[in-house]
PDB file of N, CA and C in Angstrom:
ATOM      1  N   MET A   1       3.751  12.777 -17.654  1.00  0.00           N
ATOM      2  CA  MET A   1       5.029  12.310 -17.148  1.00  0.00           C
ATOM      3  C   MET A   1       5.219  10.826 -17.449  1.00  0.00           C
ATOM      4  N   GLY A   2       4.197   9.996 -17.105  1.00  0.00           N
ATOM      5  CA  GLY A   2       4.339   8.577 -17.388  1.00  0.00           C
ATOM      6  C   GLY A   2       3.220   7.740 -16.811  1.00  0.00           C
ATOM      7  N   LYS A   3       3.322   6.420 -17.028  1.00  0.00           N
ATOM      8  CA  LYS A   3       2.337   5.464 -16.519  1.00  0.00           C
ATOM      9  C   LYS A   3       3.066   4.316 -15.858  1.00  0.00           C
ATOM     10  N   ASP A   4       2.382   3.688 -14.888  1.00  0.00           N
ATOM     11  CA  ASP A   4       2.955   2.493 -14.270  1.00  0.00           C
ATOM     12  C   ASP A   4       2.347   1.254 -14.919  1.00  0.00           C
ATOM     13  N   ASN A   5       2.742   0.079 -14.452  1.00  0.00           N
ATOM     14  CA  ASN A   5       2.286  -1.181 -15.062  1.00  0.00           C
ATOM     15  C   ASN A   5       0.793  -1.422 -14.910  1.00  0.00           C
ATOM     16  N   ASP A   6       0.152  -0.810 -13.918  1.00  0.00           N
ATOM     17  CA  ASP A   6      -1.284  -1.005 -13.701  1.00  0.00           C
ATOM     18  C   ASP A   6      -2.137   0.063 -14.370  1.00  0.00           C
ATOM     19  N   GLY A   7      -1.528   0.945 -15.151  1.00  0.00           N
ATOM     20  CA  GLY A   7      -2.281   1.934 -15.907  1.00  0.00           C
ATOM     21  C   GLY A   7      -2.531   3.253 -15.206  1.00  0.00           C
ATOM     22  N   ARG A   8      -1.985   3.448 -14.001  1.00  0.00           N
ATOM     23  CA  ARG A   8      -2.126   4.751 -13.341  1.00  0.00           C
ATOM     24  C   ARG A   8      -1.242   5.749 -14.071  1.00  0.00           C
ATOM     25  N   ALA A   9      -1.781   6.944 -14.332  1.00  0.00           N
ATOM     26  CA  ALA A   9      -1.035   7.974 -15.058  1.00  0.00           C
ATOM     27  C   ALA A   9      -0.544   9.041 -14.087  1.00  0.00           C
ATOM     28  N   TYR A  10       0.704   9.458 -14.258  1.00  0.00           N
ATOM     29  CA  TYR A  10       1.340  10.444 -13.383  1.00  0.00           C
ATOM     30  C   TYR A  10       1.623  11.705 -14.183  1.00  0.00           C
ATOM     31  N   TYR A  11       1.333  12.842 -13.560  1.00  0.00           N
ATOM     32  CA  TYR A  11       1.462  14.124 -14.242  1.00  0.00           C
ATOM     33  C   TYR A  11       2.229  15.119 -13.388  1.00  0.00           C
ATOM     34  N   GLU A  12       2.805  16.102 -14.080  1.00  0.00           N
ATOM     35  CA  GLU A  12       3.474  17.218 -13.421  1.00  0.00           C
ATOM     36  C   GLU A  12       3.063  18.485 -14.159  1.00  0.00           C
ATOM     37  N   SER A  13       2.770  19.547 -13.396  1.00  0.00           N
ATOM     38  CA  SER A  13       2.326  20.793 -14.024  1.00  0.00           C
ATOM     39  C   SER A  13       3.428  21.361 -14.919  1.00  0.00           C
ATOM     40  N   ARG A  14       3.032  22.116 -15.926  1.00  0.00           N
ATOM     41  CA  ARG A  14       3.998  22.694 -16.864  1.00  0.00           C
ATOM     42  C   ARG A  14       4.732  23.884 -16.275  1.00  0.00           C
ATOM     43  N   ARG A  15       4.065  24.581 -15.379  1.00  0.00           N
ATOM     44  CA  ARG A  15       4.668  25.753 -14.731  1.00  0.00           C
ATOM     45  C   ARG A  15       4.714  25.533 -13.233  1.00  0.00           C
ATOM     46  N   PRO A  16       5.672  26.147 -12.550  1.00  0.00           N
ATOM     47  CA  PRO A  16       5.706  26.015 -11.086  1.00  0.00           C
ATOM     48  C   PRO A  16       4.416  26.554 -10.482  1.00  0.00           C
ATOM     49  N   THR A  17       3.919  25.860  -9.481  1.00  0.00           N
ATOM     50  CA  THR A  17       2.664  26.277  -8.857  1.00  0.00           C
ATOM     51  C   THR A  17       2.876  26.915  -7.492  1.00  0.00           C
ATOM     52  N   ARG A  18       4.050  26.737  -6.907  1.00  0.00           N
ATOM     53  CA  ARG A  18       4.321  27.383  -5.619  1.00  0.00           C
ATOM     54  C   ARG A  18       5.821  27.526  -5.421  1.00  0.00           C
ATOM     55  N   LYS A  19       6.156  28.434  -4.549  1.00  0.00           N
ATOM     56  CA  LYS A  19       7.563  28.664  -4.225  1.00  0.00           C
ATOM     57  C   LYS A  19       7.868  28.013  -2.890  1.00  0.00           C
ATOM     58  N   THR A  20       9.041  27.419  -2.805  1.00  0.00           N
ATOM     59  CA  THR A  20       9.483  26.807  -1.557  1.00  0.00           C
ATOM     60  C   THR A  20      10.792  27.461  -1.149  1.00  0.00           C
ATOM     61  N   GLY A  21      11.309  27.093  -0.012  1.00  0.00           N
ATOM     62  CA  GLY A  21      12.567  27.659   0.457  1.00  0.00           C
ATOM     63  C   GLY A  21      13.713  27.404  -0.501  1.00  0.00           C
ATOM     64  N   GLY A  22      13.669  26.294  -1.223  1.00  0.00           N
ATOM     65  CA  GLY A  22      14.744  25.950  -2.141  1.00  0.00           C
ATOM     66  C   GLY A  22      14.466  26.317  -3.583  1.00  0.00           C
ATOM     67  N   GLY A  23      13.372  26.980  -3.865  1.00  0.00           N
ATOM     68  CA  GLY A  23      13.057  27.352  -5.242  1.00  0.00           C
ATOM     69  C   GLY A  23      11.593  27.140  -5.553  1.00  0.00           C
ATOM     70  N   GLU A  24      11.337  26.804  -6.814  1.00  0.00           N
ATOM     71  CA  GLU A  24       9.958  26.618  -7.259  1.00  0.00           C
ATOM     72  C   GLU A  24       9.604  25.135  -7.250  1.00  0.00           C
ATOM     73  N   ARG A  25       8.335  24.869  -7.072  1.00  0.00           N
ATOM     74  CA  ARG A  25       7.874  23.481  -7.044  1.00  0.00           C
ATOM     75  C   ARG A  25       6.746  23.304  -8.052  1.00  0.00           C
ATOM     76  N   TYR A  26       6.821  22.184  -8.776  1.00  0.00           N
ATOM     77  CA  TYR A  26       5.792  21.824  -9.741  1.00  0.00           C
ATOM     78  C   TYR A  26       4.806  20.872  -9.075  1.00  0.00           C
ATOM     79  N   GLU A  27       3.530  21.072  -9.347  1.00  0.00           N
ATOM     80  CA  GLU A  27       2.493  20.198  -8.781  1.00  0.00           C
ATOM     81  C   GLU A  27       2.581  18.823  -9.447  1.00  0.00           C
ATOM     82  N   ARG A  28       2.453  17.770  -8.663  1.00  0.00           N
ATOM     83  CA  ARG A  28       2.470  16.396  -9.181  1.00  0.00           C
ATOM     84  C   ARG A  28       1.222  15.673  -8.696  1.00  0.00           C
ATOM     85  N   TRP A  29       0.659  14.827  -9.559  1.00  0.00           N
ATOM     86  CA  TRP A  29      -0.541  14.081  -9.174  1.00  0.00           C
ATOM     87  C   TRP A  29      -0.650  12.802  -9.988  1.00  0.00           C
ATOM     88  N   VAL A  30      -1.568  11.941  -9.531  1.00  0.00           N
ATOM     89  CA  VAL A  30      -1.793  10.652 -10.185  1.00  0.00           C
ATOM     90  C   VAL A  30      -3.272  10.516 -10.512  1.00  0.00           C
ATOM     91  N   ILE A  31      -3.576   9.930 -11.654  1.00  0.00           N
ATOM     92  CA  ILE A  31      -4.941   9.588 -12.053  1.00  0.00           C
ATOM     93  C   ILE A  31      -5.032   8.060 -12.006  1.00  0.00           C
ATOM     94  N   TYR A  32      -5.929   7.558 -11.148  1.00  0.00           N
ATOM     95  CA  TYR A  32      -6.065   6.116 -10.959  1.00  0.00           C
ATOM     96  C   TYR A  32      -6.929   5.516 -12.056  1.00  0.00           C
ATOM     97  N   LYS A  33      -6.564   4.325 -12.499  1.00  0.00           N
ATOM     98  CA  LYS A  33      -7.337   3.643 -13.536  1.00  0.00           C
ATOM     99  C   LYS A  33      -8.456   2.803 -12.929  1.00  0.00           C
ATOM    100  N   LYS A  34      -8.157   2.079 -11.824  1.00  0.00           N
ATOM    101  CA  LYS A  34      -9.125   1.154 -11.226  1.00  0.00           C
ATOM    102  C   LYS A  34      -9.404   1.552  -9.785  1.00  0.00           C
ATOM    103  N   GLY A  35     -10.152   2.584  -9.562  1.00  0.00           N
ATOM    104  CA  GLY A  35     -10.474   2.990  -8.194  1.00  0.00           C
ATOM    105  C   GLY A  35      -9.308   3.693  -7.527  1.00  0.00           C
ATOM    106  N   GLU A  36      -9.623   4.494  -6.556  1.00  0.00           N
ATOM    107  CA  GLU A  36      -8.602   5.278  -5.877  1.00  0.00           C
ATOM    108  C   GLU A  36      -8.096   4.538  -4.652  1.00  0.00           C
ATOM    109  N   ASP A  37      -6.849   4.157  -4.684  1.00  0.00           N
ATOM    110  CA  ASP A  37      -6.206   3.507  -3.549  1.00  0.00           C
ATOM    111  C   ASP A  37      -4.776   4.025  -3.495  1.00  0.00           C
ATOM    112  N   ALA A  38      -4.529   4.996  -2.626  1.00  0.00           N
ATOM    113  CA  ALA A  38      -3.211   5.621  -2.549  1.00  0.00           C
ATOM    114  C   ALA A  38      -2.123   4.619  -2.194  1.00  0.00           C
ATOM    115  N   SER A  39      -2.470   3.553  -1.484  1.00  0.00           N
ATOM    116  CA  SER A  39      -1.454   2.562  -1.121  1.00  0.00           C
ATOM    117  C   SER A  39      -1.013   1.734  -2.326  1.00  0.00           C
ATOM    118  N   ALA A  40      -1.707   1.850  -3.445  1.00  0.00           N
ATOM    119  CA  ALA A  40      -1.365   1.079  -4.634  1.00  0.00           C
ATOM    120  C   ALA A  40      -0.287   1.743  -5.482  1.00  0.00           C
ATOM    121  N   VAL A  41       0.104   2.969  -5.164  1.00  0.00           N
ATOM    122  CA  VAL A  41       1.153   3.643  -5.931  1.00  0.00           C
ATOM    123  C   VAL A  41       2.456   2.879  -5.703  1.00  0.00           C
ATOM    124  N   PRO A  42       3.086   2.375  -6.781  1.00  0.00           N
ATOM    125  CA  PRO A  42       4.302   1.583  -6.599  1.00  0.00           C
ATOM    126  C   PRO A  42       5.461   2.445  -6.094  1.00  0.00           C
ATOM    127  N   PRO A  43       6.445   1.834  -5.429  1.00  0.00           N
ATOM    128  CA  PRO A  43       7.552   2.605  -4.876  1.00  0.00           C
ATOM    129  C   PRO A  43       8.327   3.383  -5.926  1.00  0.00           C
ATOM    130  N   GLU A  44       8.355   2.871  -7.162  1.00  0.00           N
ATOM    131  CA  GLU A  44       9.069   3.577  -8.229  1.00  0.00           C
ATOM    132  C   GLU A  44       8.488   4.963  -8.463  1.00  0.00           C
ATOM    133  N   TRP A  45       7.179   5.109  -8.268  1.00  0.00           N
ATOM    134  CA  TRP A  45       6.512   6.391  -8.482  1.00  0.00           C
ATOM    135  C   TRP A  45       6.259   7.142  -7.186  1.00  0.00           C
ATOM    136  N   TRP A  46       6.205   6.454  -6.066  1.00  0.00           N
ATOM    137  CA  TRP A  46       5.900   7.101  -4.789  1.00  0.00           C
ATOM    138  C   TRP A  46       6.925   8.178  -4.464  1.00  0.00           C
ATOM    139  N   GLY A  47       8.212   7.863  -4.612  1.00  0.00           N
ATOM    140  CA  GLY A  47       9.268   8.830  -4.323  1.00  0.00           C
ATOM    141  C   GLY A  47       9.168  10.062  -5.207  1.00  0.00           C
ATOM    142  N   TRP A  48       8.865   9.867  -6.476  1.00  0.00           N
ATOM    143  CA  TRP A  48       8.719  11.003  -7.387  1.00  0.00           C
ATOM    144  C   TRP A  48       7.497  11.837  -7.013  1.00  0.00           C
ATOM    145  N   LEU A  49       6.393  11.185  -6.716  1.00  0.00           N
ATOM    146  CA  LEU A  49       5.144  11.869  -6.387  1.00  0.00           C
ATOM    147  C   LEU A  49       5.288  12.735  -5.136  1.00  0.00           C
ATOM    148  N   HIS A  50       6.147  12.317  -4.194  1.00  0.00           N
ATOM    149  CA  HIS A  50       6.347  13.046  -2.941  1.00  0.00           C
ATOM    150  C   HIS A  50       7.622  13.888  -2.951  1.00  0.00           C
ATOM    151  N   TYR A  51       8.136  14.209  -4.143  1.00  0.00           N
ATOM    152  CA  TYR A  51       9.280  15.109  -4.322  1.00  0.00           C
ATOM    153  C   TYR A  51      10.558  14.585  -3.686  1.00  0.00           C
ATOM    154  N   MET A  52      10.697  13.274  -3.571  1.00  0.00           N
ATOM    155  CA  MET A  52      11.934  12.699  -3.055  1.00  0.00           C
ATOM    156  C   MET A  52      12.894  12.376  -4.198  1.00  0.00           C
ATOM    157  N   GLU A  53      12.356  12.234  -5.396  1.00  0.00           N
ATOM    158  CA  GLU A  53      13.147  11.928  -6.587  1.00  0.00           C
ATOM    159  C   GLU A  53      12.761  12.903  -7.693  1.00  0.00           C
ATOM    160  N   ASP A  54      13.744  13.267  -8.530  1.00  0.00           N
ATOM    161  CA  ASP A  54      13.448  14.135  -9.672  1.00  0.00           C
ATOM    162  C   ASP A  54      12.823  13.352 -10.820  1.00  0.00           C
ATOM    163  N   GLN A  55      13.164  12.080 -10.918  1.00  0.00           N
ATOM    164  CA  GLN A  55      12.619  11.194 -11.943  1.00  0.00           C
ATOM    165  C   GLN A  55      12.158   9.905 -11.260  1.00  0.00           C
ATOM    166  N   PRO A  56      11.139   9.238 -11.806  1.00  0.00           N
ATOM    167  CA  PRO A  56      10.741   7.949 -11.216  1.00  0.00           C
ATOM    168  C   PRO A  56      11.880   6.937 -11.347  1.00  0.00           C
ATOM    169  N   ILE A  57      11.971   6.046 -10.389  1.00  0.00           N
ATOM    170  CA  ILE A  57      13.004   5.011 -10.413  1.00  0.00           C
ATOM    171  C   ILE A  57      12.613   3.982 -11.473  1.00  0.00           C
ATOM    172  N   PRO A  58      13.557   3.544 -12.310  1.00  0.00           N
ATOM    173  CA  PRO A  58      13.204   2.545 -13.330  1.00  0.00           C
ATOM    174  C   PRO A  58      12.758   1.221 -12.706  1.00  0.00           C
ATOM    175  N   MET A  59      11.822   0.553 -13.362  1.00  0.00           N
ATOM    176  CA  MET A  59      11.312  -0.733 -12.871  1.00  0.00           C
ATOM    177  C   MET A  59      12.435  -1.766 -12.755  1.00  0.00           C
ATOM    178  N   GLU A  60      13.474  -1.641 -13.578  1.00  0.00           N
ATOM    179  CA  GLU A  60      14.573  -2.600 -13.548  1.00  0.00           C
ATOM    180  C   GLU A  60      15.336  -2.541 -12.228  1.00  0.00           C
ATOM    181  N   ALA A  61      15.166  -1.452 -11.477  1.00  0.00           N
ATOM    182  CA  ALA A  61      15.874  -1.300 -10.203  1.00  0.00           C
ATOM    183  C   ALA A  61      15.236  -2.130  -9.092  1.00  0.00           C
ATOM    184  N   ARG A  62      14.110  -2.753  -9.353  1.00  0.00           N
ATOM    185  CA  ARG A  62      13.458  -3.587  -8.327  1.00  0.00           C
ATOM    186  C   ARG A  62      14.338  -4.777  -7.987  1.00  0.00           C
ATOM    187  N   LYS A  63      14.309  -5.141  -6.726  1.00  0.00           N
ATOM    188  CA  LYS A  63      15.080  -6.286  -6.244  1.00  0.00           C
ATOM    189  C   LYS A  63      14.248  -7.560  -6.389  1.00  0.00           C
ATOM    190  N   PRO A  64      14.906  -8.714  -6.537  1.00  0.00           N
ATOM    191  CA  PRO A  64      14.155  -9.966  -6.715  1.00  0.00           C
ATOM    192  C   PRO A  64      13.266 -10.315  -5.521  1.00  0.00           C
ATOM    193  N   TRP A  65      13.607  -9.832  -4.328  1.00  0.00           N
ATOM    194  CA  TRP A  65      12.825 -10.159  -3.138  1.00  0.00           C
ATOM    195  C   TRP A  65      11.601  -9.271  -2.980  1.00  0.00           C
ATOM    196  N   GLN A  66      11.467  -8.229  -3.788  1.00  0.00           N
ATOM    197  CA  GLN A  66      10.301  -7.350  -3.679  1.00  0.00           C
ATOM    198  C   GLN A  66       9.083  -8.032  -4.293  1.00  0.00           C
ATOM    199  N   LEU A  67       8.013  -8.093  -3.525  1.00  0.00           N
ATOM    200  CA  LEU A  67       6.792  -8.756  -3.975  1.00  0.00           C
ATOM    201  C   LEU A  67       5.883  -7.780  -4.707  1.00  0.00           C
ATOM    202  N   PRO A  68       5.039  -8.280  -5.608  1.00  0.00           N
ATOM    203  CA  PRO A  68       4.072  -7.394  -6.256  1.00  0.00           C
ATOM    204  C   PRO A  68       3.060  -6.871  -5.239  1.00  0.00           C
ATOM    205  N   TYR A  69       2.474  -5.749  -5.539  1.00  0.00           N
ATOM    206  CA  TYR A  69       1.520  -5.099  -4.644  1.00  0.00           C
ATOM    207  C   TYR A  69       0.285  -5.967  -4.448  1.00  0.00           C
ATOM    208  N   GLU A  70      -0.162  -6.051  -3.213  1.00  0.00           N
ATOM    209  CA  GLU A  70      -1.421  -6.727  -2.888  1.00  0.00           C
ATOM    210  C   GLU A  70      -2.269  -5.739  -2.096  1.00  0.00           C
ATOM    211  N   PRO A  71      -3.459  -5.408  -2.566  1.00  0.00           N
ATOM    212  CA  PRO A  71      -4.258  -4.378  -1.888  1.00  0.00           C
ATOM    213  C   PRO A  71      -4.673  -4.779  -0.479  1.00  0.00           C
ATOM    214  N   ASN A  72      -4.854  -3.778   0.360  1.00  0.00           N
ATOM    215  CA  ASN A  72      -5.338  -3.985   1.723  1.00  0.00           C
ATOM    216  C   ASN A  72      -6.833  -4.280   1.636  1.00  0.00           C
ATOM    217  N   LYS A  73      -7.254  -5.426   2.135  1.00  0.00           N
ATOM    218  CA  LYS A  73      -8.653  -5.852   2.001  1.00  0.00           C
ATOM    219  C   LYS A  73      -9.477  -5.596   3.255  1.00  0.00           C
ATOM    220  N   THR A  74      -8.910  -4.878   4.211  1.00  0.00           N
ATOM    221  CA  THR A  74      -9.644  -4.558   5.433  1.00  0.00           C
ATOM    222  C   THR A  74     -10.926  -3.811   5.079  1.00  0.00           C
ATOM    223  N   GLY A  75     -12.029  -4.207   5.686  1.00  0.00           N
ATOM    224  CA  GLY A  75     -13.303  -3.542   5.437  1.00  0.00           C
ATOM    225  C   GLY A  75     -14.036  -4.042   4.212  1.00  0.00           C
ATOM    226  N   THR A  76     -13.500  -5.041   3.536  1.00  0.00           N
ATOM    227  CA  THR A  76     -14.171  -5.609   2.369  1.00  0.00           C
ATOM    228  C   THR A  76     -14.619  -7.033   2.692  1.00  0.00           C
ATOM    229  N   VAL A  77     -15.395  -7.628   1.807  1.00  0.00           N
ATOM    230  CA  VAL A  77     -15.832  -9.008   2.016  1.00  0.00           C
ATOM    231  C   VAL A  77     -14.665  -9.982   1.894  1.00  0.00           C
ATOM    232  N   GLU A  78     -13.558  -9.554   1.296  1.00  0.00           N
ATOM    233  CA  GLU A  78     -12.384 -10.409   1.141  1.00  0.00           C
ATOM    234  C   GLU A  78     -11.412 -10.296   2.315  1.00  0.00           C
ATOM    235  N   ALA A  79     -11.749  -9.526   3.334  1.00  0.00           N
ATOM    236  CA  ALA A  79     -10.861  -9.347   4.485  1.00  0.00           C
ATOM    237  C   ALA A  79     -10.658 -10.667   5.217  1.00  0.00           C
ATOM    238  N   TYR A  80      -9.501 -10.809   5.853  1.00  0.00           N
ATOM    239  CA  TYR A  80      -9.214 -12.019   6.631  1.00  0.00           C
ATOM    240  C   TYR A  80     -10.138 -12.077   7.837  1.00  0.00           C
ATOM    241  N   ARG A  81     -10.752 -13.211   8.050  1.00  0.00           N
ATOM    242  CA  ARG A  81     -11.624 -13.449   9.196  1.00  0.00           C
ATOM    243  C   ARG A  81     -11.086 -14.659   9.948  1.00  0.00           C
ATOM    244  N   PRO A  82     -10.526 -14.467  11.129  1.00  0.00           N
ATOM    245  CA  PRO A  82      -9.972 -15.608  11.862  1.00  0.00           C
ATOM    246  C   PRO A  82     -11.069 -16.553  12.327  1.00  0.00           C
ATOM    247  N   PRO A  83     -10.722 -17.804  12.576  1.00  0.00           N
ATOM    248  CA  PRO A  83     -11.716 -18.751  13.091  1.00  0.00           C
ATOM    249  C   PRO A  83     -12.307 -18.230  14.399  1.00  0.00           C
ATOM    250  N   GLY A  84     -13.616 -18.337  14.552  1.00  0.00           N
ATOM    251  CA  GLY A  84     -14.293 -17.846  15.746  1.00  0.00           C
ATOM    252  C   GLY A  84     -14.769 -16.419  15.620  1.00  0.00           C
ATOM    253  N   SER A  85     -14.440 -15.759  14.527  1.00  0.00           N
ATOM    254  CA  SER A  85     -14.873 -14.385  14.306  1.00  0.00           C
ATOM    255  C   SER A  85     -16.392 -14.333  14.163  1.00  0.00           C
ATOM    256  N   ALA A  86     -16.991 -13.249  14.609  1.00  0.00           N
ATOM    257  CA  ALA A  86     -18.442 -13.076  14.472  1.00  0.00           C
ATOM    258  C   ALA A  86     -18.854 -13.117  13.003  1.00  0.00           C
ATOM    259  N   TYR A  87     -17.957 -12.727  12.114  1.00  0.00           N
ATOM    260  CA  TYR A  87     -18.264 -12.753  10.687  1.00  0.00           C
ATOM    261  C   TYR A  87     -18.234 -14.165  10.110  1.00  0.00           C
ATOM    262  N   LYS A  88     -17.680 -15.102  10.878  1.00  0.00           N
ATOM    263  CA  LYS A  88     -17.639 -16.497  10.425  1.00  0.00           C
ATOM    264  C   LYS A  88     -18.562 -17.365  11.259  1.00  0.00           C
ATOM    265  N   GLY A  89     -19.571 -16.794  11.867  1.00  0.00           N
ATOM    266  CA  GLY A  89     -20.525 -17.560  12.648  1.00  0.00           C
ATOM    267  C   GLY A  89     -20.287 -17.505  14.142  1.00  0.00           C
ATOM    268  N   GLY A  90     -19.135 -17.021  14.578  1.00  0.00           N
ATOM    269  CA  GLY A  90     -18.852 -16.851  15.994  1.00  0.00           C
ATOM    270  C   GLY A  90     -18.541 -18.122  16.749  1.00  0.00           C
ATOM    271  N   HIS A  91     -18.325 -19.234  16.081  1.00  0.00           N
ATOM    272  CA  HIS A  91     -18.043 -20.502  16.759  1.00  0.00           C
ATOM    273  C   HIS A  91     -16.596 -20.901  16.519  1.00  0.00           C
ATOM    274  N   ARG A  92     -15.872 -21.062  17.607  1.00  0.00           N
ATOM    275  CA  ARG A  92     -14.498 -21.516  17.500  1.00  0.00           C
ATOM    276  C   ARG A  92     -14.467 -23.030  17.542  1.00  0.00           C
ATOM    277  N   PRO A  93     -13.468 -23.627  16.905  1.00  0.00           N
ATOM    278  CA  PRO A  93     -13.351 -25.084  17.024  1.00  0.00           C
ATOM    279  C   PRO A  93     -12.991 -25.447  18.467  1.00  0.00           C
ATOM    280  N   PRO A  94     -13.403 -26.607  18.929  1.00  0.00           N
ATOM    281  CA  PRO A  94     -13.103 -26.992  20.310  1.00  0.00           C
ATOM    282  C   PRO A  94     -11.599 -27.110  20.540  1.00  0.00           C
ATOM    283  N   ALA A  95     -11.187 -26.873  21.782  1.00  0.00           N
ATOM    284  CA  ALA A  95      -9.776 -26.994  22.140  1.00  0.00           C
ATOM    285  C   ALA A  95      -9.319 -28.431  21.928  1.00  0.00           C
ATOM    286  N   THR A  96      -8.065 -28.591  21.584  1.00  0.00           N
ATOM    287  CA  THR A  96      -7.557 -29.926  21.258  1.00  0.00           C
ATOM    288  C   THR A  96      -7.082 -30.693  22.475  1.00  0.00           C
ATOM    289  N   GLY A  97      -6.935 -30.061  23.610  1.00  0.00           N
ATOM    290  CA  GLY A  97      -6.500 -30.767  24.803  1.00  0.00           C
ATOM    291  C   GLY A  97      -4.996 -30.798  24.973  1.00  0.00           C
ATOM    292  N   ASP A  98      -4.253 -30.147  24.095  1.00  0.00           N
ATOM    293  CA  ASP A  98      -2.796 -30.150  24.215  1.00  0.00           C
ATOM    294  C   ASP A  98      -2.278 -28.919  24.964  1.00  0.00           C
ATOM    295  N   TYR A  99      -3.153 -28.250  25.691  1.00  0.00           N
ATOM    296  CA  TYR A  99      -2.787 -27.041  26.420  1.00  0.00           C
ATOM    297  C   TYR A  99      -2.772 -27.332  27.913  1.00  0.00           C
ATOM    298  N   ASP A 100      -1.681 -26.985  28.572  1.00  0.00           N
ATOM    299  CA  ASP A 100      -1.576 -27.110  30.027  1.00  0.00           C
ATOM    300  C   ASP A 100      -1.507 -25.713  30.615  1.00  0.00           C
ATOM    301  N   ALA A 101      -2.490 -25.349  31.399  1.00  0.00           N
ATOM    302  CA  ALA A 101      -2.518 -24.021  32.004  1.00  0.00           C
ATOM    303  C   ALA A 101      -1.421 -23.904  33.049  1.00  0.00           C
ATOM    304  N   TRP A 102      -0.776 -22.762  33.104  1.00  0.00           N
ATOM    305  CA  TRP A 102       0.264 -22.505  34.091  1.00  0.00           C
ATOM    306  C   TRP A 102      -0.383 -22.000  35.367  1.00  0.00           C
ATOM    307  N   THR A 103       0.033 -22.550  36.493  1.00  0.00           N
ATOM    308  CA  THR A 103      -0.436 -22.048  37.784  1.00  0.00           C
ATOM    309  C   THR A 103       0.793 -21.746  38.631  1.00  0.00           C
ATOM    310  N   PRO A 104       0.827 -20.579  39.239  1.00  0.00           N
ATOM    311  CA  PRO A 104       2.008 -20.212  40.030  1.00  0.00           C
ATOM    312  C   PRO A 104       2.119 -21.082  41.281  1.00  0.00           C
ATOM    313  N   GLU A 105       3.350 -21.284  41.712  1.00  0.00           N
ATOM    314  CA  GLU A 105       3.560 -22.057  42.939  1.00  0.00           C
ATOM    315  C   GLU A 105       3.139 -21.216  44.132  1.00  0.00           C
ATOM    316  N   SER A 106       2.490 -21.830  45.112  1.00  0.00           N
ATOM    317  CA  SER A 106       2.016 -21.094  46.289  1.00  0.00           C
ATOM    318  C   SER A 106       3.028 -21.141  47.398  1.00  0.00           C
TER     319      SER A 106
END
């Protein structure tokens, strides 16, 4: 069927593989080039892969405000670690003294 900018290849079966209420359905799948990450499928292909579109949306249809894909790094060594996290030594920087605690009136 086609490829995206990152080299993932998209395929559709030649013959219908199952019947649905509205007719026959062709199997669709993706072959990943650099590891399997389903969240990396671009929106142009996501709709086609999930049978929302008959054809992939052209890349030219992207809006200027749409950002390029950035993988989710949770669970990797590149994951965000806030200051004071156990993964960063567990020591928070000392308070700056600009905080006034609220106490209710009695």
